[in-house]
């Protein structure tokens, strides 16, 4: 990934860019949409948004890499699980949180 060659405020999948790896799993098929779970192996700026748009499936509501949506007022992206080792103690830390209330109605509308 690197700077978009023409739109300098965006990132893009480009030749010679920094390595960026995102894996995904489709969790649920909805009407015209899919709920996906993403696993990042790297952490680049806008990585998820750039990779999904590059695949032809921008995030719902992402006005930078896709388009606005009547379903949400922001891009539909939520980190429900975050895990890492504490930088000093090395202790594994694990955090989980449910979908926020502003995103739940979008899924309900597509079911």
PDB file of N, CA and C in Angstrom:
ATOM      1  N   UNK A   1       0.837  -1.178   0.000  1.00  0.00           N
ATOM      2  CA  UNK A   1       0.000   0.000   0.000  1.00  0.00           C
ATOM      3  C   UNK A   1       0.876   1.234   0.000  1.00  0.00           C
ATOM      4  N   UNK A   2       0.337   2.272  -0.593  1.00  0.00           N
ATOM      5  CA  UNK A   2       1.039   3.546  -0.598  1.00  0.00           C
ATOM      6  C   UNK A   2       0.072   4.652  -0.971  1.00  0.00           C
ATOM      7  N   UNK A   3       0.585   5.841  -1.144  1.00  0.00           N
ATOM      8  CA  UNK A   3      -0.251   6.973  -1.540  1.00  0.00           C
ATOM      9  C   UNK A   3      -0.881   6.695  -2.902  1.00  0.00           C
ATOM     10  N   UNK A   4      -2.132   7.096  -3.036  1.00  0.00           N
ATOM     11  CA  UNK A   4      -2.827   6.983  -4.315  1.00  0.00           C
ATOM     12  C   UNK A   4      -2.071   7.867  -5.305  1.00  0.00           C
ATOM     13  N   UNK A   5      -1.808   7.390  -6.520  1.00  0.00           N
ATOM     14  CA  UNK A   5      -0.989   8.168  -7.459  1.00  0.00           C
ATOM     15  C   UNK A   5      -1.601   9.498  -7.896  1.00  0.00           C
ATOM     16  N   UNK A   6      -2.940   9.605  -7.880  1.00  0.00           N
ATOM     17  CA  UNK A   6      -3.580  10.851  -8.321  1.00  0.00           C
ATOM     18  C   UNK A   6      -4.320  11.567  -7.197  1.00  0.00           C
ATOM     19  N   UNK A   7      -4.854  10.826  -6.265  1.00  0.00           N
ATOM     20  CA  UNK A   7      -5.589  11.426  -5.139  1.00  0.00           C
ATOM     21  C   UNK A   7      -4.719  11.306  -3.897  1.00  0.00           C
ATOM     22  N   UNK A   8      -3.921  12.293  -3.641  1.00  0.00           N
ATOM     23  CA  UNK A   8      -2.883  12.232  -2.618  1.00  0.00           C
ATOM     24  C   UNK A   8      -3.416  12.134  -1.190  1.00  0.00           C
ATOM     25  N   UNK A   9      -4.702  12.388  -0.969  1.00  0.00           N
ATOM     26  CA  UNK A   9      -5.264  12.259   0.376  1.00  0.00           C
ATOM     27  C   UNK A   9      -5.723  10.825   0.653  1.00  0.00           C
ATOM     28  N   UNK A  10      -5.637   9.975  -0.353  1.00  0.00           N
ATOM     29  CA  UNK A  10      -6.035   8.571  -0.214  1.00  0.00           C
ATOM     30  C   UNK A  10      -4.832   7.650  -0.267  1.00  0.00           C
ATOM     31  N   UNK A  11      -5.053   6.450   0.243  1.00  0.00           N
ATOM     32  CA  UNK A  11      -4.072   5.382   0.107  1.00  0.00           C
ATOM     33  C   UNK A  11      -4.608   4.427  -0.957  1.00  0.00           C
ATOM     34  N   UNK A  12      -3.731   3.559  -1.483  1.00  0.00           N
ATOM     35  CA  UNK A  12      -4.152   2.625  -2.525  1.00  0.00           C
ATOM     36  C   UNK A  12      -3.214   1.423  -2.552  1.00  0.00           C
ATOM     37  N   UNK A  13      -3.659   0.370  -3.213  1.00  0.00           N
ATOM     38  CA  UNK A  13      -2.792  -0.766  -3.490  1.00  0.00           C
ATOM     39  C   UNK A  13      -1.961  -0.345  -4.702  1.00  0.00           C
ATOM     40  N   UNK A  14      -0.650  -0.210  -4.508  1.00  0.00           N
ATOM     41  CA  UNK A  14       0.225   0.299  -5.566  1.00  0.00           C
ATOM     42  C   UNK A  14       1.486  -0.548  -5.669  1.00  0.00           C
ATOM     43  N   UNK A  15       2.055  -0.588  -6.855  1.00  0.00           N
ATOM     44  CA  UNK A  15       3.342  -1.253  -7.063  1.00  0.00           C
ATOM     45  C   UNK A  15       4.406  -0.459  -6.314  1.00  0.00           C
ATOM     46  N   UNK A  16       5.230  -1.149  -5.550  1.00  0.00           N
ATOM     47  CA  UNK A  16       6.286  -0.487  -4.800  1.00  0.00           C
ATOM     48  C   UNK A  16       5.852   0.047  -3.450  1.00  0.00           C
ATOM     49  N   UNK A  17       4.597  -0.179  -3.080  1.00  0.00           N
ATOM     50  CA  UNK A  17       4.105   0.274  -1.777  1.00  0.00           C
ATOM     51  C   UNK A  17       4.582  -0.639  -0.660  1.00  0.00           C
ATOM     52  N   UNK A  18       4.224  -0.298   0.556  1.00  0.00           N
ATOM     53  CA  UNK A  18       4.572  -1.120   1.714  1.00  0.00           C
ATOM     54  C   UNK A  18       3.677  -2.353   1.768  1.00  0.00           C
ATOM     55  N   UNK A  19       4.232  -3.436   2.256  1.00  0.00           N
ATOM     56  CA  UNK A  19       3.462  -4.664   2.367  1.00  0.00           C
ATOM     57  C   UNK A  19       2.306  -4.475   3.349  1.00  0.00           C
ATOM     58  N   UNK A  20       1.144  -4.975   2.967  1.00  0.00           N
ATOM     59  CA  UNK A  20      -0.040  -4.914   3.818  1.00  0.00           C
ATOM     60  C   UNK A  20      -0.849  -6.185   3.563  1.00  0.00           C
ATOM     61  N   UNK A  21      -1.183  -6.893   4.639  1.00  0.00           N
ATOM     62  CA  UNK A  21      -1.924  -8.153   4.496  1.00  0.00           C
ATOM     63  C   UNK A  21      -3.181  -8.120   5.362  1.00  0.00           C
ATOM     64  N   UNK A  22      -4.310  -8.402   4.717  1.00  0.00           N
ATOM     65  CA  UNK A  22      -5.601  -8.490   5.390  1.00  0.00           C
ATOM     66  C   UNK A  22      -6.270  -9.783   4.947  1.00  0.00           C
ATOM     67  N   UNK A  23      -6.679 -10.592   5.891  1.00  0.00           N
ATOM     68  CA  UNK A  23      -7.442 -11.796   5.588  1.00  0.00           C
ATOM     69  C   UNK A  23      -8.874 -11.554   6.014  1.00  0.00           C
ATOM     70  N   UNK A  24      -9.801 -12.240   5.364  1.00  0.00           N
ATOM     71  CA  UNK A  24     -11.196 -12.026   5.735  1.00  0.00           C
ATOM     72  C   UNK A  24     -11.989 -13.317   5.654  1.00  0.00           C
ATOM     73  N   UNK A  25     -13.118 -13.287   6.346  1.00  0.00           N
ATOM     74  CA  UNK A  25     -14.036 -14.421   6.381  1.00  0.00           C
ATOM     75  C   UNK A  25     -15.447 -13.846   6.327  1.00  0.00           C
ATOM     76  N   UNK A  26     -16.263 -14.336   5.407  1.00  0.00           N
ATOM     77  CA  UNK A  26     -17.649 -13.881   5.331  1.00  0.00           C
ATOM     78  C   UNK A  26     -18.419 -14.547   6.466  1.00  0.00           C
ATOM     79  N   UNK A  27     -18.996 -13.728   7.326  1.00  0.00           N
ATOM     80  CA  UNK A  27     -19.737 -14.239   8.486  1.00  0.00           C
ATOM     81  C   UNK A  27     -21.214 -14.420   8.179  1.00  0.00           C
ATOM     82  N   UNK A  28     -21.753 -13.524   7.339  1.00  0.00           N
ATOM     83  CA  UNK A  28     -23.181 -13.600   7.059  1.00  0.00           C
ATOM     84  C   UNK A  28     -23.487 -12.897   5.746  1.00  0.00           C
ATOM     85  N   UNK A  29     -24.301 -13.539   4.912  1.00  0.00           N
ATOM     86  CA  UNK A  29     -24.786 -12.920   3.683  1.00  0.00           C
ATOM     87  C   UNK A  29     -26.074 -12.175   4.005  1.00  0.00           C
ATOM     88  N   UNK A  30     -26.137 -10.922   3.628  1.00  0.00           N
ATOM     89  CA  UNK A  30     -27.323 -10.095   3.842  1.00  0.00           C
ATOM     90  C   UNK A  30     -27.808  -9.618   2.474  1.00  0.00           C
ATOM     91  N   UNK A  31     -28.933  -8.955   2.417  1.00  0.00           N
ATOM     92  CA  UNK A  31     -29.459  -8.478   1.130  1.00  0.00           C
ATOM     93  C   UNK A  31     -28.500  -7.484   0.479  1.00  0.00           C
ATOM     94  N   UNK A  32     -27.759  -7.958  -0.524  1.00  0.00           N
ATOM     95  CA  UNK A  32     -26.844  -7.093  -1.258  1.00  0.00           C
ATOM     96  C   UNK A  32     -25.587  -6.699  -0.505  1.00  0.00           C
ATOM     97  N   UNK A  33     -25.374  -7.256   0.662  1.00  0.00           N
ATOM     98  CA  UNK A  33     -24.223  -6.926   1.501  1.00  0.00           C
ATOM     99  C   UNK A  33     -23.714  -8.189   2.182  1.00  0.00           C
ATOM    100  N   UNK A  34     -22.538  -8.110   2.730  1.00  0.00           N
ATOM    101  CA  UNK A  34     -21.987  -9.207   3.520  1.00  0.00           C
ATOM    102  C   UNK A  34     -21.389  -8.649   4.797  1.00  0.00           C
ATOM    103  N   UNK A  35     -21.578  -9.380   5.870  1.00  0.00           N
ATOM    104  CA  UNK A  35     -20.937  -9.047   7.133  1.00  0.00           C
ATOM    105  C   UNK A  35     -19.653  -9.870   7.159  1.00  0.00           C
ATOM    106  N   UNK A  36     -18.515  -9.199   7.211  1.00  0.00           N
ATOM    107  CA  UNK A  36     -17.234  -9.897   7.143  1.00  0.00           C
ATOM    108  C   UNK A  36     -16.418  -9.673   8.409  1.00  0.00           C
ATOM    109  N   UNK A  37     -15.593 -10.640   8.704  1.00  0.00           N
ATOM    110  CA  UNK A  37     -14.651 -10.564   9.813  1.00  0.00           C
ATOM    111  C   UNK A  37     -13.278 -10.452   9.180  1.00  0.00           C
ATOM    112  N   UNK A  38     -12.514  -9.454   9.578  1.00  0.00           N
ATOM    113  CA  UNK A  38     -11.203  -9.192   8.988  1.00  0.00           C
ATOM    114  C   UNK A  38     -10.106  -9.442  10.005  1.00  0.00           C
ATOM    115  N   UNK A  39      -9.019  -9.990   9.521  1.00  0.00           N
ATOM    116  CA  UNK A  39      -7.855 -10.273  10.361  1.00  0.00           C
ATOM    117  C   UNK A  39      -6.660  -9.554   9.744  1.00  0.00           C
ATOM    118  N   UNK A  40      -6.115  -8.612  10.489  1.00  0.00           N
ATOM    119  CA  UNK A  40      -4.981  -7.847   9.973  1.00  0.00           C
ATOM    120  C   UNK A  40      -3.661  -8.485  10.393  1.00  0.00           C
ATOM    121  N   UNK A  41      -2.791  -8.681   9.426  1.00  0.00           N
ATOM    122  CA  UNK A  41      -1.435  -9.148   9.721  1.00  0.00           C
ATOM    123  C   UNK A  41      -0.476  -7.971   9.792  1.00  0.00           C
ATOM    124  N   UNK A  42      -0.888  -6.844   9.217  1.00  0.00           N
ATOM    125  CA  UNK A  42      -0.102  -5.610   9.262  1.00  0.00           C
ATOM    126  C   UNK A  42      -1.055  -4.500   9.688  1.00  0.00           C
ATOM    127  N   UNK A  43      -0.549  -3.339   9.910  1.00  0.00           N
ATOM    128  CA  UNK A  43      -1.387  -2.231  10.364  1.00  0.00           C
ATOM    129  C   UNK A  43      -1.073  -0.948   9.623  1.00  0.00           C
ATOM    130  N   UNK A  44      -1.491  -0.865   8.385  1.00  0.00           N
ATOM    131  CA  UNK A  44      -1.239   0.324   7.569  1.00  0.00           C
ATOM    132  C   UNK A  44      -2.414   1.302   7.651  1.00  0.00           C
ATOM    133  N   UNK A  45      -2.140   2.543   7.361  1.00  0.00           N
ATOM    134  CA  UNK A  45      -3.173   3.579   7.364  1.00  0.00           C
ATOM    135  C   UNK A  45      -4.280   3.214   6.387  1.00  0.00           C
ATOM    136  N   UNK A  46      -5.518   3.185   6.869  1.00  0.00           N
ATOM    137  CA  UNK A  46      -6.716   2.884   6.076  1.00  0.00           C
ATOM    138  C   UNK A  46      -6.686   1.481   5.471  1.00  0.00           C
ATOM    139  N   UNK A  47      -5.880   0.582   6.012  1.00  0.00           N
ATOM    140  CA  UNK A  47      -5.671  -0.732   5.409  1.00  0.00           C
ATOM    141  C   UNK A  47      -6.965  -1.475   5.079  1.00  0.00           C
ATOM    142  N   UNK A  48      -7.865  -1.593   6.041  1.00  0.00           N
ATOM    143  CA  UNK A  48      -9.107  -2.331   5.809  1.00  0.00           C
ATOM    144  C   UNK A  48      -9.917  -1.643   4.712  1.00  0.00           C
ATOM    145  N   UNK A  49     -10.056  -0.358   4.807  1.00  0.00           N
ATOM    146  CA  UNK A  49     -10.864   0.398   3.847  1.00  0.00           C
ATOM    147  C   UNK A  49     -10.284   0.302   2.442  1.00  0.00           C
ATOM    148  N   UNK A  50      -8.961   0.392   2.324  1.00  0.00           N
ATOM    149  CA  UNK A  50      -8.304   0.315   1.018  1.00  0.00           C
ATOM    150  C   UNK A  50      -8.429  -1.091   0.434  1.00  0.00           C
ATOM    151  N   UNK A  51      -8.171  -2.104   1.235  1.00  0.00           N
ATOM    152  CA  UNK A  51      -8.237  -3.466   0.719  1.00  0.00           C
ATOM    153  C   UNK A  51      -9.649  -3.854   0.289  1.00  0.00           C
ATOM    154  N   UNK A  52     -10.647  -3.505   1.079  1.00  0.00           N
ATOM    155  CA  UNK A  52     -12.014  -3.856   0.709  1.00  0.00           C
ATOM    156  C   UNK A  52     -12.446  -3.109  -0.565  1.00  0.00           C
ATOM    157  N   UNK A  53     -12.098  -1.841  -0.684  1.00  0.00           N
ATOM    158  CA  UNK A  53     -12.423  -1.084  -1.900  1.00  0.00           C
ATOM    159  C   UNK A  53     -11.682  -1.669  -3.100  1.00  0.00           C
ATOM    160  N   UNK A  54     -10.436  -2.069  -2.906  1.00  0.00           N
ATOM    161  CA  UNK A  54      -9.638  -2.653  -3.986  1.00  0.00           C
ATOM    162  C   UNK A  54     -10.274  -3.946  -4.500  1.00  0.00           C
ATOM    163  N   UNK A  55     -10.909  -4.696  -3.597  1.00  0.00           N
ATOM    164  CA  UNK A  55     -11.601  -5.927  -3.987  1.00  0.00           C
ATOM    165  C   UNK A  55     -12.956  -5.655  -4.646  1.00  0.00           C
ATOM    166  N   UNK A  56     -13.362  -4.385  -4.657  1.00  0.00           N
ATOM    167  CA  UNK A  56     -14.646  -4.026  -5.245  1.00  0.00           C
ATOM    168  C   UNK A  56     -15.794  -4.055  -4.253  1.00  0.00           C
ATOM    169  N   UNK A  57     -15.458  -4.098  -2.965  1.00  0.00           N
ATOM    170  CA  UNK A  57     -16.458  -4.148  -1.903  1.00  0.00           C
ATOM    171  C   UNK A  57     -16.128  -3.132  -0.808  1.00  0.00           C
ATOM    172  N   UNK A  58     -16.279  -1.837  -1.101  1.00  0.00           N
ATOM    173  CA  UNK A  58     -15.965  -0.826  -0.076  1.00  0.00           C
ATOM    174  C   UNK A  58     -16.899  -0.947   1.119  1.00  0.00           C
ATOM    175  N   UNK A  59     -16.447  -0.459   2.248  1.00  0.00           N
ATOM    176  CA  UNK A  59     -17.274  -0.484   3.450  1.00  0.00           C
ATOM    177  C   UNK A  59     -18.529   0.349   3.247  1.00  0.00           C
ATOM    178  N   UNK A  60     -19.625  -0.122   3.791  1.00  0.00           N
ATOM    179  CA  UNK A  60     -20.870   0.633   3.754  1.00  0.00           C
ATOM    180  C   UNK A  60     -20.629   1.983   4.431  1.00  0.00           C
ATOM    181  N   UNK A  61     -21.012   3.051   3.756  1.00  0.00           N
ATOM    182  CA  UNK A  61     -20.896   4.391   4.322  1.00  0.00           C
ATOM    183  C   UNK A  61     -19.529   5.026   4.230  1.00  0.00           C
ATOM    184  N   UNK A  62     -18.568   4.380   3.578  1.00  0.00           N
ATOM    185  CA  UNK A  62     -17.217   4.943   3.473  1.00  0.00           C
ATOM    186  C   UNK A  62     -17.174   5.927   2.307  1.00  0.00           C
ATOM    187  N   UNK A  63     -17.272   7.204   2.606  1.00  0.00           N
ATOM    188  CA  UNK A  63     -17.328   8.227   1.560  1.00  0.00           C
ATOM    189  C   UNK A  63     -15.964   8.510   0.921  1.00  0.00           C
ATOM    190  N   UNK A  64     -14.891   8.039   1.516  1.00  0.00           N
ATOM    191  CA  UNK A  64     -13.561   8.240   0.932  1.00  0.00           C
ATOM    192  C   UNK A  64     -13.251   7.179  -0.111  1.00  0.00           C
ATOM    193  N   UNK A  65     -13.524   5.934   0.183  1.00  0.00           N
ATOM    194  CA  UNK A  65     -13.179   4.825  -0.714  1.00  0.00           C
ATOM    195  C   UNK A  65     -14.401   4.186  -1.367  1.00  0.00           C
ATOM    196  N   UNK A  66     -15.591   4.639  -1.015  1.00  0.00           N
ATOM    197  CA  UNK A  66     -16.829   4.102  -1.569  1.00  0.00           C
ATOM    198  C   UNK A  66     -17.825   5.226  -1.728  1.00  0.00           C
ATOM    199  N   UNK A  67     -18.963   5.104  -1.064  1.00  0.00           N
ATOM    200  CA  UNK A  67     -19.970   6.159  -1.143  1.00  0.00           C
ATOM    201  C   UNK A  67     -20.839   6.150   0.110  1.00  0.00           C
ATOM    202  N   UNK A  68     -21.579   7.234   0.290  1.00  0.00           N
ATOM    203  CA  UNK A  68     -22.475   7.359   1.444  1.00  0.00           C
ATOM    204  C   UNK A  68     -23.563   6.294   1.366  1.00  0.00           C
ATOM    205  N   UNK A  69     -24.177   6.012   2.505  1.00  0.00           N
ATOM    206  CA  UNK A  69     -25.238   5.008   2.574  1.00  0.00           C
ATOM    207  C   UNK A  69     -26.377   5.522   3.439  1.00  0.00           C
ATOM    208  N   UNK A  70     -27.581   5.128   3.066  1.00  0.00           N
ATOM    209  CA  UNK A  70     -28.742   5.481   3.894  1.00  0.00           C
ATOM    210  C   UNK A  70     -28.795   4.631   5.163  1.00  0.00           C
ATOM    211  N   UNK A  71     -27.965   3.591   5.240  1.00  0.00           N
ATOM    212  CA  UNK A  71     -27.982   2.677   6.389  1.00  0.00           C
ATOM    213  C   UNK A  71     -27.244   3.222   7.607  1.00  0.00           C
ATOM    214  N   UNK A  72     -26.181   3.987   7.374  1.00  0.00           N
ATOM    215  CA  UNK A  72     -25.352   4.502   8.473  1.00  0.00           C
ATOM    216  C   UNK A  72     -24.855   5.904   8.146  1.00  0.00           C
ATOM    217  N   UNK A  73     -24.466   6.635   9.180  1.00  0.00           N
ATOM    218  CA  UNK A  73     -23.941   7.993   9.000  1.00  0.00           C
ATOM    219  C   UNK A  73     -22.417   8.040   9.000  1.00  0.00           C
ATOM    220  N   UNK A  74     -21.796   6.881   8.990  1.00  0.00           N
ATOM    221  CA  UNK A  74     -20.323   6.786   8.989  1.00  0.00           C
ATOM    222  C   UNK A  74     -19.959   5.476   8.308  1.00  0.00           C
ATOM    223  N   UNK A  75     -18.669   5.224   8.152  1.00  0.00           N
ATOM    224  CA  UNK A  75     -18.343   3.935   7.559  1.00  0.00           C
ATOM    225  C   UNK A  75     -18.585   2.817   8.578  1.00  0.00           C
ATOM    226  N   UNK A  76     -19.075   1.707   8.083  1.00  0.00           N
ATOM    227  CA  UNK A  76     -19.451   0.575   8.924  1.00  0.00           C
ATOM    228  C   UNK A  76     -18.186  -0.240   9.208  1.00  0.00           C
ATOM    229  N   UNK A  77     -17.549   0.100  10.306  1.00  0.00           N
ATOM    230  CA  UNK A  77     -16.322  -0.576  10.709  1.00  0.00           C
ATOM    231  C   UNK A  77     -16.278  -0.600  12.225  1.00  0.00           C
ATOM    232  N   UNK A  78     -16.060  -1.789  12.773  1.00  0.00           N
ATOM    233  CA  UNK A  78     -16.064  -1.932  14.229  1.00  0.00           C
ATOM    234  C   UNK A  78     -15.050  -2.996  14.639  1.00  0.00           C
ATOM    235  N   UNK A  79     -14.172  -2.653  15.567  1.00  0.00           N
ATOM    236  CA  UNK A  79     -13.207  -3.611  16.116  1.00  0.00           C
ATOM    237  C   UNK A  79     -13.857  -4.309  17.303  1.00  0.00           C
ATOM    238  N   UNK A  80     -14.384  -5.499  17.074  1.00  0.00           N
ATOM    239  CA  UNK A  80     -15.080  -6.208  18.149  1.00  0.00           C
ATOM    240  C   UNK A  80     -14.122  -7.002  19.025  1.00  0.00           C
ATOM    241  N   UNK A  81     -12.924  -7.268  18.511  1.00  0.00           N
ATOM    242  CA  UNK A  81     -11.951  -8.036  19.277  1.00  0.00           C
ATOM    243  C   UNK A  81     -10.553  -7.491  18.994  1.00  0.00           C
ATOM    244  N   UNK A  82      -9.841  -7.229  20.048  1.00  0.00           N
ATOM    245  CA  UNK A  82      -8.479  -6.726  19.932  1.00  0.00           C
ATOM    246  C   UNK A  82      -7.625  -7.469  20.940  1.00  0.00           C
ATOM    247  N   UNK A  83      -6.546  -8.042  20.481  1.00  0.00           N
ATOM    248  CA  UNK A  83      -5.653  -8.764  21.372  1.00  0.00           C
ATOM    249  C   UNK A  83      -4.202  -8.479  21.039  1.00  0.00           C
ATOM    250  N   UNK A  84      -3.384  -8.331  22.057  1.00  0.00           N
ATOM    251  CA  UNK A  84      -1.954  -8.085  21.864  1.00  0.00           C
ATOM    252  C   UNK A  84      -1.230  -8.335  23.174  1.00  0.00           C
ATOM    253  N   UNK A  85       0.096  -8.389  23.097  1.00  0.00           N
ATOM    254  CA  UNK A  85       0.899  -8.556  24.310  1.00  0.00           C
ATOM    255  C   UNK A  85       1.254  -7.180  24.852  1.00  0.00           C
ATOM    256  N   UNK A  86       1.186  -7.054  26.185  1.00  0.00           N
ATOM    257  CA  UNK A  86       1.570  -5.803  26.835  1.00  0.00           C
ATOM    258  C   UNK A  86       3.026  -5.507  26.465  1.00  0.00           C
ATOM    259  N   UNK A  87       3.314  -4.273  26.044  1.00  0.00           N
ATOM    260  CA  UNK A  87       4.663  -3.963  25.568  1.00  0.00           C
ATOM    261  C   UNK A  87       5.767  -4.072  26.615  1.00  0.00           C
ATOM    262  N   UNK A  88       5.420  -3.986  27.893  1.00  0.00           N
ATOM    263  CA  UNK A  88       6.446  -4.060  28.938  1.00  0.00           C
ATOM    264  C   UNK A  88       6.461  -5.427  29.602  1.00  0.00           C
ATOM    265  N   UNK A  89       5.293  -5.901  30.023  1.00  0.00           N
ATOM    266  CA  UNK A  89       5.239  -7.163  30.775  1.00  0.00           C
ATOM    267  C   UNK A  89       5.129  -8.387  29.881  1.00  0.00           C
ATOM    268  N   UNK A  90       4.694  -8.194  28.639  1.00  0.00           N
ATOM    269  CA  UNK A  90       4.496  -9.330  27.746  1.00  0.00           C
ATOM    270  C   UNK A  90       3.202 -10.089  28.019  1.00  0.00           C
ATOM    271  N   UNK A  91       2.439  -9.616  29.018  1.00  0.00           N
ATOM    272  CA  UNK A  91       1.176 -10.267  29.368  1.00  0.00           C
ATOM    273  C   UNK A  91       0.189 -10.154  28.201  1.00  0.00           C
ATOM    274  N   UNK A  92      -0.474 -11.271  27.837  1.00  0.00           N
ATOM    275  CA  UNK A  92      -1.481 -11.176  26.775  1.00  0.00           C
ATOM    276  C   UNK A  92      -2.700 -10.375  27.245  1.00  0.00           C
ATOM    277  N   UNK A  93      -3.111  -9.438  26.441  1.00  0.00           N
ATOM    278  CA  UNK A  93      -4.282  -8.621  26.733  1.00  0.00           C
ATOM    279  C   UNK A  93      -5.326  -8.914  25.669  1.00  0.00           C
ATOM    280  N   UNK A  94      -6.579  -9.021  26.082  1.00  0.00           N
ATOM    281  CA  UNK A  94      -7.650  -9.406  25.174  1.00  0.00           C
ATOM    282  C   UNK A  94      -8.892  -8.582  25.491  1.00  0.00           C
ATOM    283  N   UNK A  95      -9.405  -7.881  24.484  1.00  0.00           N
ATOM    284  CA  UNK A  95     -10.570  -7.021  24.674  1.00  0.00           C
ATOM    285  C   UNK A  95     -11.630  -7.378  23.647  1.00  0.00           C
ATOM    286  N   UNK A  96     -12.889  -7.466  24.093  1.00  0.00           N
ATOM    287  CA  UNK A  96     -14.019  -7.729  23.202  1.00  0.00           C
ATOM    288  C   UNK A  96     -15.155  -6.790  23.553  1.00  0.00           C
ATOM    289  N   UNK A  97     -15.899  -6.375  22.532  1.00  0.00           N
ATOM    290  CA  UNK A  97     -17.042  -5.486  22.739  1.00  0.00           C
ATOM    291  C   UNK A  97     -18.082  -5.768  21.662  1.00  0.00           C
ATOM    292  N   UNK A  98     -19.354  -5.624  22.017  1.00  0.00           N
ATOM    293  CA  UNK A  98     -20.445  -5.842  21.080  1.00  0.00           C
ATOM    294  C   UNK A  98     -20.521  -4.722  20.051  1.00  0.00           C
ATOM    295  N   UNK A  99     -21.311  -4.957  19.021  1.00  0.00           N
ATOM    296  CA  UNK A  99     -21.551  -3.960  17.996  1.00  0.00           C
ATOM    297  C   UNK A  99     -22.195  -2.723  18.625  1.00  0.00           C
ATOM    298  N   UNK A 100     -21.730  -1.528  18.298  1.00  0.00           N
ATOM    299  CA  UNK A 100     -22.314  -0.326  18.896  1.00  0.00           C
ATOM    300  C   UNK A 100     -23.748  -0.091  18.417  1.00  0.00           C
ATOM    301  N   UNK A 101     -24.527   0.604  19.223  1.00  0.00           N
ATOM    302  CA  UNK A 101     -25.950   0.808  18.914  1.00  0.00           C
ATOM    303  C   UNK A 101     -26.226   1.513  17.584  1.00  0.00           C
ATOM    304  N   UNK A 102     -25.299   2.337  17.103  1.00  0.00           N
ATOM    305  CA  UNK A 102     -25.563   3.037  15.836  1.00  0.00           C
ATOM    306  C   UNK A 102     -25.403   2.142  14.608  1.00  0.00           C
ATOM    307  N   UNK A 103     -24.755   0.980  14.750  1.00  0.00           N
ATOM    308  CA  UNK A 103     -24.565   0.073  13.611  1.00  0.00           C
ATOM    309  C   UNK A 103     -25.578  -1.072  13.569  1.00  0.00           C
ATOM    310  N   UNK A 104     -26.127  -1.415  14.711  1.00  0.00           N
ATOM    311  CA  UNK A 104     -27.079  -2.534  14.795  1.00  0.00           C
ATOM    312  C   UNK A 104     -28.284  -2.367  13.864  1.00  0.00           C
ATOM    313  N   UNK A 105     -28.907  -1.185  13.774  1.00  0.00           N
ATOM    314  CA  UNK A 105     -30.074  -1.047  12.883  1.00  0.00           C
ATOM    315  C   UNK A 105     -29.758  -1.338  11.404  1.00  0.00           C
ATOM    316  N   UNK A 106     -28.543  -1.084  10.976  1.00  0.00           N
ATOM    317  CA  UNK A 106     -28.176  -1.357   9.581  1.00  0.00           C
ATOM    318  C   UNK A 106     -28.253  -2.853   9.289  1.00  0.00           C
ATOM    319  N   UNK A 107     -27.750  -3.668  10.191  1.00  0.00           N
ATOM    320  CA  UNK A 107     -27.816  -5.128  10.004  1.00  0.00           C
ATOM    321  C   UNK A 107     -29.265  -5.588  10.048  1.00  0.00           C
ATOM    322  N   UNK A 108     -30.028  -5.068  10.978  1.00  0.00           N
ATOM    323  CA  UNK A 108     -31.446  -5.433  11.088  1.00  0.00           C
ATOM    324  C   UNK A 108     -32.196  -5.088   9.799  1.00  0.00           C
ATOM    325  N   UNK A 109     -31.891  -3.954   9.199  1.00  0.00           N
ATOM    326  CA  UNK A 109     -32.568  -3.528   7.970  1.00  0.00           C
ATOM    327  C   UNK A 109     -32.239  -4.427   6.778  1.00  0.00           C
ATOM    328  N   UNK A 110     -31.081  -5.076   6.805  1.00  0.00           N
ATOM    329  CA  UNK A 110     -30.666  -5.938   5.696  1.00  0.00           C
ATOM    330  C   UNK A 110     -31.064  -7.405   5.875  1.00  0.00           C
ATOM    331  N   UNK A 111     -31.576  -7.742   7.005  1.00  0.00           N
ATOM    332  CA  UNK A 111     -31.977  -9.145   7.244  1.00  0.00           C
ATOM    333  C   UNK A 111     -33.330  -9.416   6.652  1.00  0.00           C
TER     334      UNK A 111
END
